[in-house]
Amino acid sequence: MVIIHSVNQPILSIQNLEKSYGAKQVLNGIDLTVYQGQIIGYIGPNGAGKSTTVKIMLGLEEHFSGRVEIFGNDISDEHVAYKNRIGYVPEVAEIYDNLTAHEYLTFIGELYGLEFDFVDQKAKKLMDLFGLEDVYHSRISSFSKGMKQKTLIISSLLHNPDLLFLDEPIGGLDANSVMVFKEVLAQLALQGKTIFYSSHIMDVVEKISNRIILLNDGKIVADGSFQELRQQNQEGTLEEIFNQLTGFDEHREMAEEFVSIVQEM
């Protein structure tokens, strides 16, 4: 996959980002520059600061130090027009279950300034492609987890965002839908969209990302393509590189002990 670098300013720039919750420092001097068309795999152990970084960039977390610019705009300014160019799928989303998919998606589209008829037609086409044509006018409360996740993905893309933040976006999706979604991301990147993908599913991150950033203890400890990370480290798979760089090498012993306890009679 080709990495497209903007000849002008980057899509996203973070300089010396720090964030604390009381005495606990979650982010400790993050420096990051992201360019147009990149698919960033943003990975790290629980508590490493991944979600905090994303929430700061989305304007959902305040009281941080450092500088964050998106589309050349300092997000500390009161101007929030840049958010119209961002799509977001959170790991845990509050979705209005009492609405139908039609009502929910047209509502989201109108929030982004889209005309009702236009967003209605667009949402229906996307629902059809995701195999949800029969439930467009059904209440979301009747949906399975996978159907809700597809609806959330569609809602994040309705306004054709230039920057997409995805936090564990494929939870609940069937294998065919995962393949479609990965191909959608690849084609969006080729169209110049920038994607920030956070997940614990290493094989997916390894396959879709053209740049992988590993966060540990609030610091970036690796940044490069999968091929570059593999050349720099002794291990082969992204999961093995992850374990090496985060110092976690007890998984086999822990699994053996877990199984031995399960087998106790």
C-alpha atoms as a PDB file:
ATOM      1  CA  MET A   1       0.000   0.000   0.000  1.00  0.00           C
ATOM      2  CA  VAL A   2       1.389   3.414  -0.944  1.00  0.00           C
ATOM      3  CA  ILE A   3       1.869   6.004   1.804  1.00  0.00           C
ATOM      4  CA  ILE A   4       0.795   9.421   0.543  1.00  0.00           C
ATOM      5  CA  HIS A   5       2.641  12.360   2.102  1.00  0.00           C
ATOM      6  CA  SER A   6       1.112  15.797   1.818  1.00  0.00           C
ATOM      7  CA  VAL A   7       3.466  18.329   0.283  1.00  0.00           C
ATOM      8  CA  ASN A   8       1.933  20.956   2.541  1.00  0.00           C
ATOM      9  CA  GLN A   9       1.082  20.690   6.222  1.00  0.00           C
ATOM     10  CA  PRO A  10       0.278  17.343   7.839  1.00  0.00           C
ATOM     11  CA  ILE A  11      -3.269  16.227   8.630  1.00  0.00           C
ATOM     12  CA  LEU A  12      -2.393  15.788  12.293  1.00  0.00           C
ATOM     13  CA  SER A  13       0.473  17.086  14.411  1.00  0.00           C
ATOM     14  CA  ILE A  14       1.107  16.386  18.095  1.00  0.00           C
ATOM     15  CA  GLN A  15       3.969  18.022  19.998  1.00  0.00           C
ATOM     16  CA  ASN A  16       5.034  17.036  23.526  1.00  0.00           C
ATOM     17  CA  LEU A  17       1.536  15.917  24.539  1.00  0.00           C
ATOM     18  CA  GLU A  18       1.195  15.189  28.249  1.00  0.00           C
ATOM     19  CA  LYS A  19      -1.871  14.290  30.281  1.00  0.00           C
ATOM     20  CA  SER A  20      -2.308  13.311  33.916  1.00  0.00           C
ATOM     21  CA  TYR A  21      -5.198  12.114  36.036  1.00  0.00           C
ATOM     22  CA  GLY A  22      -4.244  13.234  39.515  1.00  0.00           C
ATOM     23  CA  ALA A  23      -0.839  11.753  40.340  1.00  0.00           C
ATOM     24  CA  LYS A  24      -0.977   9.291  37.447  1.00  0.00           C
ATOM     25  CA  GLN A  25       0.662  10.495  34.238  1.00  0.00           C
ATOM     26  CA  VAL A  26      -1.053   8.795  31.286  1.00  0.00           C
ATOM     27  CA  LEU A  27       0.716  10.533  28.379  1.00  0.00           C
ATOM     28  CA  ASN A  28       4.372  11.437  28.715  1.00  0.00           C
ATOM     29  CA  GLY A  29       5.616  13.565  25.823  1.00  0.00           C
ATOM     30  CA  ILE A  30       3.882  12.234  22.688  1.00  0.00           C
ATOM     31  CA  ASP A  31       5.276  13.598  19.409  1.00  0.00           C
ATOM     32  CA  LEU A  32       3.489  12.498  16.272  1.00  0.00           C
ATOM     33  CA  THR A  33       2.950  13.729  12.718  1.00  0.00           C
ATOM     34  CA  VAL A  34       0.393  12.042  10.452  1.00  0.00           C
ATOM     35  CA  TYR A  35       0.047  12.681   6.723  1.00  0.00           C
ATOM     36  CA  GLN A  36      -2.755  12.357   4.209  1.00  0.00           C
ATOM     37  CA  GLY A  37      -3.649   8.847   3.100  1.00  0.00           C
ATOM     38  CA  GLN A  38      -1.978   7.010   5.961  1.00  0.00           C
ATOM     39  CA  ILE A  39      -3.675   4.184   7.852  1.00  0.00           C
ATOM     40  CA  ILE A  40      -2.232   4.404  11.344  1.00  0.00           C
ATOM     41  CA  GLY A  41      -2.396   1.304  13.515  1.00  0.00           C
ATOM     42  CA  TYR A  42      -2.349   2.729  17.059  1.00  0.00           C
ATOM     43  CA  ILE A  43      -1.649  -0.072  19.504  1.00  0.00           C
ATOM     44  CA  GLY A  44      -0.538  -0.607  23.084  1.00  0.00           C
ATOM     45  CA  PRO A  45      -1.418  -2.410  26.317  1.00  0.00           C
ATOM     46  CA  ASN A  46      -4.453  -1.411  28.341  1.00  0.00           C
ATOM     47  CA  GLY A  47      -3.698   1.823  30.161  1.00  0.00           C
ATOM     48  CA  ALA A  48      -0.952   2.842  27.727  1.00  0.00           C
ATOM     49  CA  GLY A  49      -2.818   6.035  26.794  1.00  0.00           C
ATOM     50  CA  LYS A  50      -4.347   5.122  23.406  1.00  0.00           C
ATOM     51  CA  SER A  51      -7.924   6.137  24.168  1.00  0.00           C
ATOM     52  CA  THR A  52      -6.774   9.248  26.015  1.00  0.00           C
ATOM     53  CA  THR A  53      -4.790  10.379  22.965  1.00  0.00           C
ATOM     54  CA  VAL A  54      -7.785   9.881  20.688  1.00  0.00           C
ATOM     55  CA  LYS A  55     -10.194  11.637  23.067  1.00  0.00           C
ATOM     56  CA  ILE A  56      -7.863  14.634  23.263  1.00  0.00           C
ATOM     57  CA  MET A  57      -7.704  14.851  19.467  1.00  0.00           C
ATOM     58  CA  LEU A  58     -11.496  14.659  19.297  1.00  0.00           C
ATOM     59  CA  GLY A  59     -11.869  17.428  21.869  1.00  0.00           C
ATOM     60  CA  LEU A  60     -13.443  15.070  24.415  1.00  0.00           C
ATOM     61  CA  GLU A  61     -10.597  15.453  26.932  1.00  0.00           C
ATOM     62  CA  GLU A  62      -9.250  18.751  28.201  1.00  0.00           C
ATOM     63  CA  HIS A  63      -6.554  19.899  30.643  1.00  0.00           C
ATOM     64  CA  PHE A  64      -3.541  18.576  28.771  1.00  0.00           C
ATOM     65  CA  SER A  65      -0.186  20.160  27.990  1.00  0.00           C
ATOM     66  CA  GLY A  66       1.473  20.267  24.593  1.00  0.00           C
ATOM     67  CA  ARG A  67       0.142  21.213  21.192  1.00  0.00           C
ATOM     68  CA  VAL A  68      -2.308  19.341  18.965  1.00  0.00           C
ATOM     69  CA  GLU A  69      -3.099  20.544  15.453  1.00  0.00           C
ATOM     70  CA  ILE A  70      -5.652  18.953  13.119  1.00  0.00           C
ATOM     71  CA  PHE A  71      -5.899  20.238   9.531  1.00  0.00           C
ATOM     72  CA  GLY A  72      -3.500  22.988  10.623  1.00  0.00           C
ATOM     73  CA  ASN A  73      -5.807  24.203  13.407  1.00  0.00           C
ATOM     74  CA  ASP A  74      -4.795  24.249  17.070  1.00  0.00           C
ATOM     75  CA  ILE A  75      -7.577  22.303  18.804  1.00  0.00           C
ATOM     76  CA  SER A  76      -7.149  24.452  21.930  1.00  0.00           C
ATOM     77  CA  ASP A  77      -8.784  27.301  20.039  1.00  0.00           C
ATOM     78  CA  GLU A  78     -12.537  27.615  20.426  1.00  0.00           C
ATOM     79  CA  HIS A  79     -13.126  27.018  16.725  1.00  0.00           C
ATOM     80  CA  VAL A  80     -14.555  23.517  16.231  1.00  0.00           C
ATOM     81  CA  ALA A  81     -15.319  23.606  12.509  1.00  0.00           C
ATOM     82  CA  TYR A  82     -12.547  21.037  11.950  1.00  0.00           C
ATOM     83  CA  LYS A  83     -14.747  18.412  13.619  1.00  0.00           C
ATOM     84  CA  ASN A  84     -17.021  18.417  10.568  1.00  0.00           C
ATOM     85  CA  ARG A  85     -14.187  16.694   8.706  1.00  0.00           C
ATOM     86  CA  ILE A  86     -13.771  13.926  11.305  1.00  0.00           C
ATOM     87  CA  GLY A  87     -15.531  10.564  11.660  1.00  0.00           C
ATOM     88  CA  TYR A  88     -15.418   8.493  14.851  1.00  0.00           C
ATOM     89  CA  VAL A  89     -16.359   4.965  15.867  1.00  0.00           C
ATOM     90  CA  PRO A  90     -15.807   4.579  19.639  1.00  0.00           C
ATOM     91  CA  GLU A  91     -15.108   1.247  21.309  1.00  0.00           C
ATOM     92  CA  VAL A  92     -18.257   1.595  23.412  1.00  0.00           C
ATOM     93  CA  ALA A  93     -20.927   3.802  21.869  1.00  0.00           C
ATOM     94  CA  GLU A  94     -24.215   5.048  23.176  1.00  0.00           C
ATOM     95  CA  ILE A  95     -26.609   4.512  20.308  1.00  0.00           C
ATOM     96  CA  TYR A  96     -30.271   5.546  20.418  1.00  0.00           C
ATOM     97  CA  ASP A  97     -31.888   2.109  20.554  1.00  0.00           C
ATOM     98  CA  ASN A  98     -35.436   3.423  20.413  1.00  0.00           C
ATOM     99  CA  LEU A  99     -34.836   4.994  17.005  1.00  0.00           C
ATOM    100  CA  THR A 100     -34.959   3.102  13.746  1.00  0.00           C
ATOM    101  CA  ALA A 101     -31.753   2.951  11.710  1.00  0.00           C
ATOM    102  CA  HIS A 102     -33.416   5.358   9.269  1.00  0.00           C
ATOM    103  CA  GLU A 103     -34.168   7.851  12.058  1.00  0.00           C
ATOM    104  CA  TYR A 104     -30.748   7.527  13.671  1.00  0.00           C
ATOM    105  CA  LEU A 105     -28.687   7.855  10.491  1.00  0.00           C
ATOM    106  CA  THR A 106     -30.676  10.775   9.086  1.00  0.00           C
ATOM    107  CA  PHE A 107     -30.368  12.485  12.478  1.00  0.00           C
ATOM    108  CA  ILE A 108     -26.567  12.034  12.456  1.00  0.00           C
ATOM    109  CA  GLY A 109     -26.360  13.229   8.855  1.00  0.00           C
ATOM    110  CA  GLU A 110     -28.351  16.358   9.608  1.00  0.00           C
ATOM    111  CA  LEU A 111     -26.034  17.091  12.554  1.00  0.00           C
ATOM    112  CA  TYR A 112     -23.250  17.305   9.982  1.00  0.00           C
ATOM    113  CA  GLY A 113     -25.312  19.669   7.842  1.00  0.00           C
ATOM    114  CA  LEU A 114     -26.494  17.186   5.216  1.00  0.00           C
ATOM    115  CA  GLU A 115     -29.936  17.574   3.621  1.00  0.00           C
ATOM    116  CA  PHE A 116     -32.477  15.037   4.892  1.00  0.00           C
ATOM    117  CA  ASP A 117     -33.364  13.520   1.515  1.00  0.00           C
ATOM    118  CA  PHE A 118     -29.720  13.237   0.507  1.00  0.00           C
ATOM    119  CA  VAL A 119     -28.605  11.549   3.733  1.00  0.00           C
ATOM    120  CA  ASP A 120     -31.669   9.273   3.672  1.00  0.00           C
ATOM    121  CA  GLN A 121     -30.767   7.962   0.220  1.00  0.00           C
ATOM    122  CA  LYS A 122     -27.073   7.656   1.104  1.00  0.00           C
ATOM    123  CA  ALA A 123     -27.740   5.837   4.377  1.00  0.00           C
ATOM    124  CA  LYS A 124     -30.115   3.394   2.716  1.00  0.00           C
ATOM    125  CA  LYS A 125     -27.568   2.567  -0.003  1.00  0.00           C
ATOM    126  CA  LEU A 126     -24.870   1.925   2.613  1.00  0.00           C
ATOM    127  CA  MET A 127     -27.230  -0.199   4.714  1.00  0.00           C
ATOM    128  CA  ASP A 128     -28.065  -2.221   1.598  1.00  0.00           C
ATOM    129  CA  LEU A 129     -24.376  -2.844   0.865  1.00  0.00           C
ATOM    130  CA  PHE A 130     -23.887  -4.032   4.441  1.00  0.00           C
ATOM    131  CA  GLY A 131     -26.768  -6.498   4.061  1.00  0.00           C
ATOM    132  CA  LEU A 132     -29.145  -4.492   6.247  1.00  0.00           C
ATOM    133  CA  GLU A 133     -31.681  -3.427   3.640  1.00  0.00           C
ATOM    134  CA  ASP A 134     -34.537  -5.237   5.425  1.00  0.00           C
ATOM    135  CA  VAL A 135     -33.995  -3.486   8.775  1.00  0.00           C
ATOM    136  CA  TYR A 136     -33.532   0.126   7.688  1.00  0.00           C
ATOM    137  CA  HIS A 137     -36.881   1.015   9.234  1.00  0.00           C
ATOM    138  CA  SER A 138     -36.530  -1.324  12.232  1.00  0.00           C
ATOM    139  CA  ARG A 139     -35.698  -0.173  15.737  1.00  0.00           C
ATOM    140  CA  ILE A 140     -32.018  -0.461  16.620  1.00  0.00           C
ATOM    141  CA  SER A 141     -32.998  -2.173  19.885  1.00  0.00           C
ATOM    142  CA  SER A 142     -33.855  -5.255  17.798  1.00  0.00           C
ATOM    143  CA  PHE A 143     -30.382  -5.353  16.176  1.00  0.00           C
ATOM    144  CA  SER A 144     -27.624  -7.821  16.974  1.00  0.00           C
ATOM    145  CA  LYS A 145     -24.231  -6.484  18.127  1.00  0.00           C
ATOM    146  CA  GLY A 146     -22.863  -6.818  14.595  1.00  0.00           C
ATOM    147  CA  MET A 147     -25.807  -4.971  13.068  1.00  0.00           C
ATOM    148  CA  LYS A 148     -25.378  -2.133  15.552  1.00  0.00           C
ATOM    149  CA  GLN A 149     -21.668  -1.965  14.752  1.00  0.00           C
ATOM    150  CA  LYS A 150     -22.384  -1.731  11.027  1.00  0.00           C
ATOM    151  CA  THR A 151     -24.831   1.097  11.734  1.00  0.00           C
ATOM    152  CA  LEU A 152     -22.176   2.940  13.765  1.00  0.00           C
ATOM    153  CA  ILE A 153     -19.618   2.511  10.986  1.00  0.00           C
ATOM    154  CA  ILE A 154     -22.082   3.916   8.455  1.00  0.00           C
ATOM    155  CA  SER A 155     -22.871   6.864  10.738  1.00  0.00           C
ATOM    156  CA  SER A 156     -19.151   7.722  10.948  1.00  0.00           C
ATOM    157  CA  LEU A 157     -18.824   7.858   7.151  1.00  0.00           C
ATOM    158  CA  LEU A 158     -22.052   9.565   6.077  1.00  0.00           C
ATOM    159  CA  HIS A 159     -20.455  13.017   5.830  1.00  0.00           C
ATOM    160  CA  ASN A 160     -17.405  11.765   3.874  1.00  0.00           C
ATOM    161  CA  PRO A 161     -14.826  12.691   6.555  1.00  0.00           C
ATOM    162  CA  ASP A 162     -11.181  13.378   5.755  1.00  0.00           C
ATOM    163  CA  LEU A 163      -9.940  11.930   9.057  1.00  0.00           C
ATOM    164  CA  LEU A 164     -11.418   8.806  10.591  1.00  0.00           C
ATOM    165  CA  PHE A 165     -10.835   7.596  14.154  1.00  0.00           C
ATOM    166  CA  LEU A 166     -11.712   3.930  14.721  1.00  0.00           C
ATOM    167  CA  ASP A 167     -11.522   2.295  18.156  1.00  0.00           C
ATOM    168  CA  GLU A 168     -12.019  -1.510  17.944  1.00  0.00           C
ATOM    169  CA  PRO A 169     -14.423  -1.018  15.005  1.00  0.00           C
ATOM    170  CA  ILE A 170     -14.905  -4.656  13.915  1.00  0.00           C
ATOM    171  CA  GLY A 171     -16.298  -6.078  17.159  1.00  0.00           C
ATOM    172  CA  GLY A 172     -19.313  -8.243  16.348  1.00  0.00           C
ATOM    173  CA  LEU A 173     -18.813  -8.180  12.571  1.00  0.00           C
ATOM    174  CA  ASP A 174     -18.961 -11.459  10.664  1.00  0.00           C
ATOM    175  CA  ALA A 175     -15.966 -12.590   8.603  1.00  0.00           C
ATOM    176  CA  ASN A 176     -17.369 -11.363   5.281  1.00  0.00           C
ATOM    177  CA  SER A 177     -18.163  -7.930   6.700  1.00  0.00           C
ATOM    178  CA  VAL A 178     -14.658  -7.681   8.164  1.00  0.00           C
ATOM    179  CA  MET A 179     -13.186  -8.339   4.705  1.00  0.00           C
ATOM    180  CA  VAL A 180     -15.448  -5.696   3.151  1.00  0.00           C
ATOM    181  CA  PHE A 181     -14.596  -3.189   5.867  1.00  0.00           C
ATOM    182  CA  LYS A 182     -10.826  -3.714   5.515  1.00  0.00           C
ATOM    183  CA  GLU A 183     -11.123  -3.165   1.768  1.00  0.00           C
ATOM    184  CA  VAL A 184     -13.222  -0.022   2.380  1.00  0.00           C
ATOM    185  CA  LEU A 185     -10.421   1.369   4.579  1.00  0.00           C
ATOM    186  CA  ALA A 186      -7.797   0.598   1.939  1.00  0.00           C
ATOM    187  CA  GLN A 187      -9.811   2.337  -0.764  1.00  0.00           C
ATOM    188  CA  LEU A 188     -10.553   5.347   1.457  1.00  0.00           C
ATOM    189  CA  ALA A 189      -6.808   5.727   2.068  1.00  0.00           C
ATOM    190  CA  LEU A 190      -6.153   5.607  -1.662  1.00  0.00           C
ATOM    191  CA  GLN A 191      -8.685   8.433  -2.016  1.00  0.00           C
ATOM    192  CA  GLY A 192      -6.584  10.503   0.387  1.00  0.00           C
ATOM    193  CA  LYS A 193      -8.512   9.832   3.598  1.00  0.00           C
ATOM    194  CA  THR A 194      -6.465   9.454   6.780  1.00  0.00           C
ATOM    195  CA  ILE A 195      -7.387   6.666   9.203  1.00  0.00           C
ATOM    196  CA  PHE A 196      -6.409   6.308  12.849  1.00  0.00           C
ATOM    197  CA  TYR A 197      -7.124   2.691  13.808  1.00  0.00           C
ATOM    198  CA  SER A 198      -6.844   1.555  17.432  1.00  0.00           C
ATOM    199  CA  SER A 199      -7.245  -2.141  18.189  1.00  0.00           C
ATOM    200  CA  HIS A 200      -5.941  -5.092  20.199  1.00  0.00           C
ATOM    201  CA  ILE A 201      -6.432  -7.449  17.243  1.00  0.00           C
ATOM    202  CA  MET A 202      -2.853  -7.558  16.056  1.00  0.00           C
ATOM    203  CA  ASP A 203      -3.323  -9.536  12.853  1.00  0.00           C
ATOM    204  CA  VAL A 204      -5.871  -6.994  11.561  1.00  0.00           C
ATOM    205  CA  VAL A 205      -3.627  -4.037  12.464  1.00  0.00           C
ATOM    206  CA  GLU A 206      -0.693  -5.793  10.799  1.00  0.00           C
ATOM    207  CA  LYS A 207      -2.616  -6.302   7.550  1.00  0.00           C
ATOM    208  CA  ILE A 208      -4.421  -2.982   7.120  1.00  0.00           C
ATOM    209  CA  SER A 209      -1.901  -0.435   8.441  1.00  0.00           C
ATOM    210  CA  ASN A 210       0.833   1.193   6.418  1.00  0.00           C
ATOM    211  CA  ARG A 211       2.217   2.706   9.613  1.00  0.00           C
ATOM    212  CA  ILE A 212       2.103   1.215  13.108  1.00  0.00           C
ATOM    213  CA  ILE A 213       2.590   3.228  16.302  1.00  0.00           C
ATOM    214  CA  LEU A 214       3.112   1.349  19.558  1.00  0.00           C
ATOM    215  CA  LEU A 215       2.403   3.186  22.783  1.00  0.00           C
ATOM    216  CA  ASN A 216       3.677   1.934  26.150  1.00  0.00           C
ATOM    217  CA  ASP A 217       3.551   3.745  29.501  1.00  0.00           C
ATOM    218  CA  GLY A 218       2.407   6.912  27.777  1.00  0.00           C
ATOM    219  CA  LYS A 219       5.318   7.014  25.319  1.00  0.00           C
ATOM    220  CA  ILE A 220       5.762   6.004  21.691  1.00  0.00           C
ATOM    221  CA  VAL A 221       8.179   3.053  21.682  1.00  0.00           C
ATOM    222  CA  ALA A 222       7.858   2.081  18.001  1.00  0.00           C
ATOM    223  CA  ASP A 223       6.802   3.893  14.834  1.00  0.00           C
ATOM    224  CA  GLY A 224       7.046   2.505  11.308  1.00  0.00           C
ATOM    225  CA  SER A 225       5.602   0.107   8.768  1.00  0.00           C
ATOM    226  CA  PHE A 226       5.250  -3.530   9.810  1.00  0.00           C
ATOM    227  CA  GLN A 227       8.222  -4.402   7.599  1.00  0.00           C
ATOM    228  CA  GLU A 228      10.337  -1.728   9.316  1.00  0.00           C
ATOM    229  CA  LEU A 229       9.324  -2.892  12.798  1.00  0.00           C
ATOM    230  CA  ARG A 230      10.142  -6.483  11.869  1.00  0.00           C
ATOM    231  CA  GLN A 231      13.598  -5.450  10.635  1.00  0.00           C
ATOM    232  CA  GLN A 232      14.262  -3.498  13.837  1.00  0.00           C
ATOM    233  CA  ASN A 233      13.180  -6.295  16.184  1.00  0.00           C
ATOM    234  CA  GLN A 234      13.985  -9.954  16.483  1.00  0.00           C
ATOM    235  CA  GLU A 235      10.398 -11.200  16.493  1.00  0.00           C
ATOM    236  CA  GLY A 236       8.304 -12.007  13.407  1.00  0.00           C
ATOM    237  CA  THR A 237       4.609 -11.252  13.893  1.00  0.00           C
ATOM    238  CA  LEU A 238       3.211  -7.953  15.134  1.00  0.00           C
ATOM    239  CA  GLU A 239       1.940  -9.722  18.241  1.00  0.00           C
ATOM    240  CA  GLU A 240       5.442 -10.992  18.991  1.00  0.00           C
ATOM    241  CA  ILE A 241       6.960  -7.551  18.354  1.00  0.00           C
ATOM    242  CA  PHE A 242       4.278  -6.066  20.633  1.00  0.00           C
ATOM    243  CA  ASN A 243       5.180  -8.492  23.428  1.00  0.00           C
ATOM    244  CA  GLN A 244       8.898  -7.849  22.982  1.00  0.00           C
ATOM    245  CA  LEU A 245       8.621  -4.058  23.101  1.00  0.00           C
ATOM    246  CA  THR A 246       6.154  -3.967  26.001  1.00  0.00           C
ATOM    247  CA  GLY A 247       8.144  -6.517  28.007  1.00  0.00           C
ATOM    248  CA  PHE A 248       5.299  -9.014  28.219  1.00  0.00           C
ATOM    249  CA  ASP A 249       6.667 -12.526  27.792  1.00  0.00           C
ATOM    250  CA  GLU A 250       4.674 -14.477  30.371  1.00  0.00           C
ATOM    251  CA  HIS A 251       1.650 -15.359  28.224  1.00  0.00           C
ATOM    252  CA  ARG A 252       2.592 -19.010  27.751  1.00  0.00           C
ATOM    253  CA  GLU A 253       3.280 -19.619  31.464  1.00  0.00           C
ATOM    254  CA  MET A 254       0.087 -17.797  32.458  1.00  0.00           C
ATOM    255  CA  ALA A 255      -1.952 -19.865  29.992  1.00  0.00           C
ATOM    256  CA  GLU A 256      -0.457 -23.111  31.290  1.00  0.00           C
ATOM    257  CA  GLU A 257      -1.311 -22.138  34.876  1.00  0.00           C
ATOM    258  CA  PHE A 258      -4.818 -21.093  33.835  1.00  0.00           C
ATOM    259  CA  VAL A 259      -5.459 -24.429  32.136  1.00  0.00           C
ATOM    260  CA  SER A 260      -4.057 -26.374  35.079  1.00  0.00           C
ATOM    261  CA  ILE A 261      -6.503 -24.605  37.409  1.00  0.00           C
ATOM    262  CA  VAL A 262      -9.399 -25.289  35.017  1.00  0.00           C
ATOM    263  CA  GLN A 263      -8.526 -28.986  35.047  1.00  0.00           C
ATOM    264  CA  GLU A 264      -8.463 -29.259  38.840  1.00  0.00           C
ATOM    265  CA  MET A 265     -11.024 -31.753  40.122  1.00  0.00           C
END
